[in-house]
Amino acid sequence: MIKGLTTFLLIGIVDSKDDFFATVEINLNPATNQAGHAVMPLSAFPCEVKEGDTFYILKLTEDTDPVIICKDKFEATKEIKNVGE
């Protein structure tokens, strides 16, 4: 039996976009020699994206669906955690 990944973090970069879709490059973390490419609907992103934007695809547990996190939101969360340090 083949078992899929239960948790992962992928790092994506928007290569181009039109009114409906974004062509993206997806890298593993840590990066490998070969990046994956995908065409994703803009509705899949929880934010406005433009060429060159970074985003993350995160799956925390076997029972949850992967979620897309925009870099701006990720950076804001990181800053909030660092405020008390």
Protein backbone atom coordinates (compact mmCIF):
# COMPACT_ATOMS: atom_id res chain seq x y z
CA MET A 1 0.00 0.00 0.00
CA ILE A 2 1.27 3.48 -0.87
CA LYS A 3 0.93 6.02 1.90
CA GLY A 4 0.84 9.75 1.05
CA LEU A 5 2.46 12.50 3.02
CA THR A 6 0.58 13.26 6.20
CA THR A 7 2.23 16.62 6.92
CA PHE A 8 4.17 18.96 4.69
CA LEU A 9 5.12 22.55 3.92
CA LEU A 10 5.56 23.57 0.30
CA ILE A 11 6.82 26.98 -0.81
CA GLY A 12 5.28 28.49 -3.93
CA ILE A 13 6.05 31.47 -6.12
CA VAL A 14 3.62 33.00 -8.61
CA ASP A 15 5.24 32.95 -12.07
CA SER A 16 2.38 34.64 -13.92
CA LYS A 17 -1.36 35.23 -13.69
CA ASP A 18 -4.35 36.30 -15.69
CA ASP A 19 -7.91 37.15 -14.64
CA PHE A 20 -8.69 33.59 -13.50
CA PHE A 21 -5.53 31.49 -13.04
CA ALA A 22 -1.99 31.72 -11.68
CA THR A 23 0.91 29.67 -13.00
CA VAL A 24 3.05 28.80 -10.00
CA GLU A 25 6.33 27.13 -9.16
CA ILE A 26 6.20 24.88 -6.09
CA ASN A 27 9.30 23.85 -4.13
CA LEU A 28 9.73 21.39 -1.33
CA ASN A 29 11.16 22.55 1.98
CA PRO A 30 14.14 22.05 1.93
CA ALA A 31 14.37 22.86 -1.77
CA THR A 32 15.23 20.17 -4.30
CA ASN A 33 16.88 20.49 -7.70
CA GLN A 34 13.57 20.27 -9.56
CA ALA A 35 10.60 22.52 -8.78
CA GLY A 36 7.04 21.52 -9.61
CA HIS A 37 4.74 23.67 -11.71
CA ALA A 38 0.97 24.05 -11.51
CA VAL A 39 -1.86 26.18 -12.78
CA MET A 40 -4.10 27.20 -9.89
CA PRO A 41 -7.35 29.15 -9.86
CA LEU A 42 -7.04 32.56 -8.23
CA SER A 43 -9.99 31.59 -6.04
CA ALA A 44 -7.70 29.07 -4.29
CA PHE A 45 -5.68 31.92 -2.77
CA PRO A 46 -6.98 33.67 0.38
CA CYS A 47 -5.35 36.92 -0.81
CA GLU A 48 -4.62 38.93 -3.93
CA VAL A 49 -1.51 37.59 -5.68
CA LYS A 50 0.79 39.05 -8.29
CA GLU A 51 3.81 37.85 -10.20
CA GLY A 52 6.70 37.12 -7.83
CA ASP A 53 4.56 36.67 -4.69
CA THR A 54 5.47 33.86 -2.31
CA PHE A 55 2.88 31.61 -0.68
CA TYR A 56 2.90 28.43 1.39
CA ILE A 57 0.91 25.21 1.15
CA LEU A 58 0.62 23.67 4.61
CA LYS A 59 -0.83 20.34 5.73
CA LEU A 60 -0.60 19.80 9.48
CA THR A 61 -2.27 16.43 10.07
CA GLU A 62 -3.37 13.38 8.15
CA ASP A 63 -7.02 14.34 8.67
CA THR A 64 -6.84 17.96 7.46
CA ASP A 65 -6.82 19.37 3.95
CA PRO A 66 -3.82 21.42 2.80
CA VAL A 67 -4.29 25.19 3.16
CA ILE A 68 -2.71 28.03 1.22
CA ILE A 69 -1.16 30.77 3.35
CA CYS A 70 -0.10 34.06 1.81
CA LYS A 71 3.35 35.34 2.72
CA ASP A 72 1.95 38.60 4.14
CA LYS A 73 -0.27 36.68 6.56
CA PHE A 74 2.59 34.30 7.43
CA GLU A 75 4.95 37.22 8.14
CA ALA A 76 2.30 38.99 10.26
CA THR A 77 1.80 35.84 12.36
CA LYS A 78 5.55 35.51 12.83
CA GLU A 79 5.83 39.16 13.97
CA ILE A 80 3.01 38.71 16.51
CA LYS A 81 4.81 35.72 18.04
CA ASN A 82 8.07 37.69 18.28
CA VAL A 83 6.50 40.68 20.05
CA GLY A 84 6.69 39.04 23.49
CA GLU A 85 10.29 37.86 23.13
